[in-house]
Amino acid sequence: EAAGYVAKKGPTPIHQSIATVGGSVFGSLPNH
């Protein structure tokens, strides 16, 4: 039912983005 999810609440939000080759990003994630 993915289409219904997106229609109701929109696409899931991205956390980071690298727009062009050569770019980099930093982030963090908890364990578990």
All heavy atoms as atom14 arrays in JSON, in Angstrom:
{
  "sequence": "EAAGYVAKKGPTPIHQSIATVGGSVFGSLPNH",
  "atom14_mask": [
    [1, 1, 1, 1, 1, 1, 1, 1, 1, 0, 0, 0, 0, 0],
    [1, 1, 1, 1, 1, 0, 0, 0, 0, 0, 0, 0, 0, 0],
    [1, 1, 1, 1, 1, 0, 0, 0, 0, 0, 0, 0, 0, 0],
    [1, 1, 1, 1, 0, 0, 0, 0, 0, 0, 0, 0, 0, 0],
    [1, 1, 1, 1, 1, 1, 1, 1, 1, 1, 1, 1, 0, 0],
    [1, 1, 1, 1, 1, 1, 1, 0, 0, 0, 0, 0, 0, 0],
    [1, 1, 1, 1, 1, 0, 0, 0, 0, 0, 0, 0, 0, 0],
    [1, 1, 1, 1, 1, 1, 1, 1, 1, 0, 0, 0, 0, 0],
    [1, 1, 1, 1, 1, 1, 1, 1, 1, 0, 0, 0, 0, 0],
    [1, 1, 1, 1, 0, 0, 0, 0, 0, 0, 0, 0, 0, 0],
    [1, 1, 1, 1, 1, 1, 1, 0, 0, 0, 0, 0, 0, 0],
    [1, 1, 1, 1, 1, 1, 1, 0, 0, 0, 0, 0, 0, 0],
    [1, 1, 1, 1, 1, 1, 1, 0, 0, 0, 0, 0, 0, 0],
    [1, 1, 1, 1, 1, 1, 1, 1, 0, 0, 0, 0, 0, 0],
    [1, 1, 1, 1, 1, 1, 1, 1, 1, 1, 0, 0, 0, 0],
    [1, 1, 1, 1, 1, 1, 1, 1, 1, 0, 0, 0, 0, 0],
    [1, 1, 1, 1, 1, 1, 0, 0, 0, 0, 0, 0, 0, 0],
    [1, 1, 1, 1, 1, 1, 1, 1, 0, 0, 0, 0, 0, 0],
    [1, 1, 1, 1, 1, 0, 0, 0, 0, 0, 0, 0, 0, 0],
    [1, 1, 1, 1, 1, 1, 1, 0, 0, 0, 0, 0, 0, 0],
    [1, 1, 1, 1, 1, 1, 1, 0, 0, 0, 0, 0, 0, 0],
    [1, 1, 1, 1, 0, 0, 0, 0, 0, 0, 0, 0, 0, 0],
    [1, 1, 1, 1, 0, 0, 0, 0, 0, 0, 0, 0, 0, 0],
    [1, 1, 1, 1, 1, 1, 0, 0, 0, 0, 0, 0, 0, 0],
    [1, 1, 1, 1, 1, 1, 1, 0, 0, 0, 0, 0, 0, 0],
    [1, 1, 1, 1, 1, 1, 1, 1, 1, 1, 1, 0, 0, 0],
    [1, 1, 1, 1, 0, 0, 0, 0, 0, 0, 0, 0, 0, 0],
    [1, 1, 1, 1, 1, 1, 0, 0, 0, 0, 0, 0, 0, 0],
    [1, 1, 1, 1, 1, 1, 1, 1, 0, 0, 0, 0, 0, 0],
    [1, 1, 1, 1, 1, 1, 1, 0, 0, 0, 0, 0, 0, 0],
    [1, 1, 1, 1, 1, 1, 1, 1, 0, 0, 0, 0, 0, 0],
    [1, 1, 1, 1, 1, 1, 1, 1, 1, 1, 0, 0, 0, 0]
  ],
  "atom14_positions": [
    [[0.81, -1.21, 0.0], [0.0, 0.0, 0.0], [0.85, 1.27, 0.0], [0.43, 2.3, 0.54], [-0.94, -0.01, 1.2], [-1.88, -1.21, 1.22], [-2.77, -1.25, 2.45], [-2.95, -0.19, 3.1], [-3.27, -2.34, 2.79], [0.0, 0.0, 0.0], [0.0, 0.0, 0.0], [0.0, 0.0, 0.0], [0.0, 0.0, 0.0], [0.0, 0.0, 0.0]],
    [[2.03, 1.21, -0.61], [2.95, 2.35, -0.59], [2.33, 3.61, -1.16], [2.51, 4.71, -0.63], [4.22, 2.0, -1.35], [0.0, 0.0, 0.0], [0.0, 0.0, 0.0], [0.0, 0.0, 0.0], [0.0, 0.0, 0.0], [0.0, 0.0, 0.0], [0.0, 0.0, 0.0], [0.0, 0.0, 0.0], [0.0, 0.0, 0.0], [0.0, 0.0, 0.0]],
    [[1.58, 3.46, -2.24], [0.96, 4.64, -2.86], [0.03, 5.35, -1.9], [-0.03, 6.58, -1.87], [0.22, 4.24, -4.14], [0.0, 0.0, 0.0], [0.0, 0.0, 0.0], [0.0, 0.0, 0.0], [0.0, 0.0, 0.0], [0.0, 0.0, 0.0], [0.0, 0.0, 0.0], [0.0, 0.0, 0.0], [0.0, 0.0, 0.0], [0.0, 0.0, 0.0]],
    [[-0.71, 4.59, -1.1], [-1.6, 5.18, -0.11], [-0.85, 5.92, 0.97], [-1.28, 6.98, 1.43], [0.0, 0.0, 0.0], [0.0, 0.0, 0.0], [0.0, 0.0, 0.0], [0.0, 0.0, 0.0], [0.0, 0.0, 0.0], [0.0, 0.0, 0.0], [0.0, 0.0, 0.0], [0.0, 0.0, 0.0], [0.0, 0.0, 0.0], [0.0, 0.0, 0.0]],
    [[0.3, 5.39, 1.39], [1.1, 6.06, 2.41], [1.55, 7.43, 1.91], [1.42, 8.45, 2.61], [2.34, 5.24, 2.77], [2.1, 3.82, 3.2], [3.12, 2.87, 3.1], [0.88, 3.41, 3.72], [2.93, 1.56, 3.51], [0.68, 2.09, 4.12], [1.71, 1.17, 4.0], [1.53, -0.13, 4.4], [0.0, 0.0, 0.0], [0.0, 0.0, 0.0]],
    [[2.1, 7.44, 0.71], [2.63, 8.68, 0.16], [1.51, 9.68, -0.12], [1.66, 10.89, 0.11], [3.45, 8.4, -1.12], [3.9, 9.69, -1.78], [4.65, 7.52, -0.79], [0.0, 0.0, 0.0], [0.0, 0.0, 0.0], [0.0, 0.0, 0.0], [0.0, 0.0, 0.0], [0.0, 0.0, 0.0], [0.0, 0.0, 0.0], [0.0, 0.0, 0.0]],
    [[0.37, 9.2, -0.6], [-0.76, 10.09, -0.87], [-1.25, 10.75, 0.4], [-1.68, 11.92, 0.39], [-1.89, 9.31, -1.53], [0.0, 0.0, 0.0], [0.0, 0.0, 0.0], [0.0, 0.0, 0.0], [0.0, 0.0, 0.0], [0.0, 0.0, 0.0], [0.0, 0.0, 0.0], [0.0, 0.0, 0.0], [0.0, 0.0, 0.0], [0.0, 0.0, 0.0]],
    [[-1.18, 10.03, 1.52], [-1.67, 10.56, 2.78], [-0.68, 11.48, 3.46], [-1.02, 12.55, 3.97], [-2.02, 9.4, 3.72], [-2.63, 9.82, 5.05], [-4.02, 10.4, 4.86], [-4.67, 10.73, 6.2], [-6.04, 11.24, 6.03], [0.0, 0.0, 0.0], [0.0, 0.0, 0.0], [0.0, 0.0, 0.0], [0.0, 0.0, 0.0], [0.0, 0.0, 0.0]],
    [[0.6, 11.08, 3.48], [1.59, 11.81, 4.28], [2.79, 12.32, 3.5], [3.71, 12.87, 4.09], [2.07, 10.92, 5.43], [1.03, 10.71, 6.52], [0.69, 12.02, 7.23], [-0.29, 11.79, 8.36], [-0.61, 13.03, 9.1], [0.0, 0.0, 0.0], [0.0, 0.0, 0.0], [0.0, 0.0, 0.0], [0.0, 0.0, 0.0], [0.0, 0.0, 0.0]],
    [[2.79, 12.15, 2.17], [3.92, 12.6, 1.38], [5.09, 11.65, 1.45], [5.09, 10.71, 2.24], [0.0, 0.0, 0.0], [0.0, 0.0, 0.0], [0.0, 0.0, 0.0], [0.0, 0.0, 0.0], [0.0, 0.0, 0.0], [0.0, 0.0, 0.0], [0.0, 0.0, 0.0], [0.0, 0.0, 0.0], [0.0, 0.0, 0.0], [0.0, 0.0, 0.0]],
    [[6.11, 11.87, 0.63], [7.27, 10.97, 0.61], [8.06, 11.06, 1.9], [8.02, 12.07, 2.62], [8.09, 11.46, -0.59], [7.69, 12.9, -0.75], [6.25, 12.98, -0.34], [0.0, 0.0, 0.0], [0.0, 0.0, 0.0], [0.0, 0.0, 0.0], [0.0, 0.0, 0.0], [0.0, 0.0, 0.0], [0.0, 0.0, 0.0], [0.0, 0.0, 0.0]],
    [[8.78, 10.01, 2.21], [9.63, 10.02, 3.4], [10.77, 11.02, 3.19], [11.34, 11.12, 2.1], [10.21, 8.62, 3.66], [10.68, 8.06, 2.42], [9.16, 7.71, 4.25], [0.0, 0.0, 0.0], [0.0, 0.0, 0.0], [0.0, 0.0, 0.0], [0.0, 0.0, 0.0], [0.0, 0.0, 0.0], [0.0, 0.0, 0.0], [0.0, 0.0, 0.0]],
    [[11.12, 11.78, 4.22], [12.11, 12.85, 4.08], [13.54, 12.31, 4.04], [13.9, 11.42, 4.81], [11.89, 13.71, 5.32], [11.34, 12.76, 6.33], [10.53, 11.74, 5.58], [0.0, 0.0, 0.0], [0.0, 0.0, 0.0], [0.0, 0.0, 0.0], [0.0, 0.0, 0.0], [0.0, 0.0, 0.0], [0.0, 0.0, 0.0], [0.0, 0.0, 0.0]],
    [[14.35, 12.86, 3.13], [15.75, 12.49, 3.02], [16.52, 13.1, 4.19], [16.15, 14.17, 4.71], [16.34, 12.94, 1.67], [17.57, 12.11, 1.29], [16.65, 14.43, 1.67], [17.23, 10.77, 0.77], [0.0, 0.0, 0.0], [0.0, 0.0, 0.0], [0.0, 0.0, 0.0], [0.0, 0.0, 0.0], [0.0, 0.0, 0.0], [0.0, 0.0, 0.0]],
    [[17.6, 12.45, 4.62], [18.39, 12.97, 5.73], [19.58, 13.8, 5.29], [19.92, 14.8, 5.92], [18.88, 11.8, 6.6], [17.79, 11.02, 7.23], [17.35, 9.8, 6.73], [17.01, 11.27, 8.31], [16.36, 9.34, 7.48], [16.14, 10.21, 8.43], [0.0, 0.0, 0.0], [0.0, 0.0, 0.0], [0.0, 0.0, 0.0], [0.0, 0.0, 0.0]],
    [[20.24, 13.37, 4.21], [21.42, 14.05, 3.71], [21.36, 14.03, 2.18], [20.66, 13.2, 1.59], [22.71, 13.36, 4.17], [22.85, 13.19, 5.66], [23.54, 14.37, 6.3], [23.76, 15.4, 5.67], [23.9, 14.24, 7.56], [0.0, 0.0, 0.0], [0.0, 0.0, 0.0], [0.0, 0.0, 0.0], [0.0, 0.0, 0.0], [0.0, 0.0, 0.0]],
    [[22.1, 14.93, 1.55], [22.1, 14.97, 0.1], [23.47, 15.39, -0.42], [24.06, 16.36, 0.07], [21.03, 15.96, -0.4], [20.97, 15.97, -1.81], [0.0, 0.0, 0.0], [0.0, 0.0, 0.0], [0.0, 0.0, 0.0], [0.0, 0.0, 0.0], [0.0, 0.0, 0.0], [0.0, 0.0, 0.0], [0.0, 0.0, 0.0], [0.0, 0.0, 0.0]],
    [[23.98, 14.64, -1.4], [25.19, 15.0, -2.13], [24.77, 15.29, -3.56], [24.36, 14.39, -4.3], [26.23, 13.87, -2.09], [26.65, 13.59, -0.65], [27.45, 14.24, -2.93], [27.62, 12.42, -0.5], [0.0, 0.0, 0.0], [0.0, 0.0, 0.0], [0.0, 0.0, 0.0], [0.0, 0.0, 0.0], [0.0, 0.0, 0.0], [0.0, 0.0, 0.0]],
    [[24.83, 16.55, -3.96], [24.26, 16.97, -5.23], [25.16, 16.64, -6.42], [24.67, 16.32, -7.5], [23.96, 18.47, -5.2], [0.0, 0.0, 0.0], [0.0, 0.0, 0.0], [0.0, 0.0, 0.0], [0.0, 0.0, 0.0], [0.0, 0.0, 0.0], [0.0, 0.0, 0.0], [0.0, 0.0, 0.0], [0.0, 0.0, 0.0], [0.0, 0.0, 0.0]],
    [[26.48, 16.73, -6.23], [27.4, 16.54, -7.35], [28.52, 15.59, -6.95], [28.86, 15.46, -5.76], [28.02, 17.88, -7.79], [28.69, 18.49, -6.68], [26.95, 18.83, -8.31], [0.0, 0.0, 0.0], [0.0, 0.0, 0.0], [0.0, 0.0, 0.0], [0.0, 0.0, 0.0], [0.0, 0.0, 0.0], [0.0, 0.0, 0.0], [0.0, 0.0, 0.0]],
    [[29.08, 14.95, -7.94], [30.2, 14.03, -7.7], [31.36, 14.8, -7.08], [31.69, 15.9, -7.51], [30.63, 13.37, -9.02], [31.89, 12.53, -8.81], [29.5, 12.53, -9.58], [0.0, 0.0, 0.0], [0.0, 0.0, 0.0], [0.0, 0.0, 0.0], [0.0, 0.0, 0.0], [0.0, 0.0, 0.0], [0.0, 0.0, 0.0], [0.0, 0.0, 0.0]],
    [[31.97, 14.2, -6.09], [33.05, 14.86, -5.36], [32.61, 15.4, -4.02], [33.44, 15.76, -3.18], [0.0, 0.0, 0.0], [0.0, 0.0, 0.0], [0.0, 0.0, 0.0], [0.0, 0.0, 0.0], [0.0, 0.0, 0.0], [0.0, 0.0, 0.0], [0.0, 0.0, 0.0], [0.0, 0.0, 0.0], [0.0, 0.0, 0.0], [0.0, 0.0, 0.0]],
    [[31.29, 15.45, -3.79], [30.77, 15.97, -2.54], [30.82, 14.94, -1.42], [31.05, 13.75, -1.64], [0.0, 0.0, 0.0], [0.0, 0.0, 0.0], [0.0, 0.0, 0.0], [0.0, 0.0, 0.0], [0.0, 0.0, 0.0], [0.0, 0.0, 0.0], [0.0, 0.0, 0.0], [0.0, 0.0, 0.0], [0.0, 0.0, 0.0], [0.0, 0.0, 0.0]],
    [[30.63, 15.43, -0.21], [30.63, 14.56, 0.96], [29.67, 15.12, 2.0], [29.34, 16.3, 1.99], [32.04, 14.42, 1.54], [32.52, 15.67, 1.98], [0.0, 0.0, 0.0], [0.0, 0.0, 0.0], [0.0, 0.0, 0.0], [0.0, 0.0, 0.0], [0.0, 0.0, 0.0], [0.0, 0.0, 0.0], [0.0, 0.0, 0.0], [0.0, 0.0, 0.0]],
    [[29.24, 14.26, 2.92], [28.38, 14.68, 4.02], [28.81, 13.95, 5.28], [29.45, 12.9, 5.23], [26.88, 14.39, 3.75], [26.35, 15.24, 2.61], [26.65, 12.91, 3.49], [0.0, 0.0, 0.0], [0.0, 0.0, 0.0], [0.0, 0.0, 0.0], [0.0, 0.0, 0.0], [0.0, 0.0, 0.0], [0.0, 0.0, 0.0], [0.0, 0.0, 0.0]],
    [[28.44, 14.53, 6.42], [28.67, 13.91, 7.71], [27.32, 13.72, 8.4], [26.4, 14.52, 8.22], [29.58, 14.79, 8.58], [30.97, 14.94, 8.04], [31.26, 15.93, 7.09], [32.0, 14.12, 8.47], [32.54, 16.08, 6.59], [33.29, 14.27, 7.98], [33.56, 15.24, 7.03], [0.0, 0.0, 0.0], [0.0, 0.0, 0.0], [0.0, 0.0, 0.0]],
    [[27.22, 12.69, 9.2], [25.99, 12.44, 9.94], [26.26, 11.53, 11.11], [27.42, 11.17, 11.4], [0.0, 0.0, 0.0], [0.0, 0.0, 0.0], [0.0, 0.0, 0.0], [0.0, 0.0, 0.0], [0.0, 0.0, 0.0], [0.0, 0.0, 0.0], [0.0, 0.0, 0.0], [0.0, 0.0, 0.0], [0.0, 0.0, 0.0], [0.0, 0.0, 0.0]],
    [[25.21, 11.17, 11.81], [25.35, 10.24, 12.93], [24.1, 9.39, 13.05], [23.0, 9.82, 12.68], [25.61, 11.0, 14.24], [24.49, 11.79, 14.59], [0.0, 0.0, 0.0], [0.0, 0.0, 0.0], [0.0, 0.0, 0.0], [0.0, 0.0, 0.0], [0.0, 0.0, 0.0], [0.0, 0.0, 0.0], [0.0, 0.0, 0.0], [0.0, 0.0, 0.0]],
    [[24.28, 8.18, 13.57], [23.19, 7.24, 13.75], [23.37, 6.51, 15.07], [24.45, 5.98, 15.34], [23.16, 6.2, 12.62], [22.45, 6.55, 11.33], [22.58, 5.4, 10.34], [20.98, 6.84, 11.59], [0.0, 0.0, 0.0], [0.0, 0.0, 0.0], [0.0, 0.0, 0.0], [0.0, 0.0, 0.0], [0.0, 0.0, 0.0], [0.0, 0.0, 0.0]],
    [[22.32, 6.45, 15.91], [22.42, 5.66, 17.13], [22.42, 4.17, 16.82], [21.88, 3.73, 15.8], [21.18, 6.07, 17.93], [20.2, 6.53, 16.9], [21.02, 7.14, 15.8], [0.0, 0.0, 0.0], [0.0, 0.0, 0.0], [0.0, 0.0, 0.0], [0.0, 0.0, 0.0], [0.0, 0.0, 0.0], [0.0, 0.0, 0.0], [0.0, 0.0, 0.0]],
    [[23.01, 3.39, 17.71], [22.98, 1.95, 17.53], [21.6, 1.4, 17.89], [20.68, 2.16, 18.17], [24.08, 1.27, 18.34], [24.07, 1.65, 19.82], [23.19, 2.35, 20.3], [25.07, 1.19, 20.54], [0.0, 0.0, 0.0], [0.0, 0.0, 0.0], [0.0, 0.0, 0.0], [0.0, 0.0, 0.0], [0.0, 0.0, 0.0], [0.0, 0.0, 0.0]],
    [[21.43, 0.11, 17.79], [20.16, -0.58, 18.07], [19.12, -0.3, 16.99], [17.95, -0.1, 17.29], [19.63, -0.21, 19.46], [20.61, -0.46, 20.55], [20.99, 0.5, 21.46], [21.34, -1.57, 20.87], [21.89, 0.0, 22.29], [22.12, -1.26, 21.95], [0.0, 0.0, 0.0], [0.0, 0.0, 0.0], [0.0, 0.0, 0.0], [0.0, 0.0, 0.0]]
  ]
}
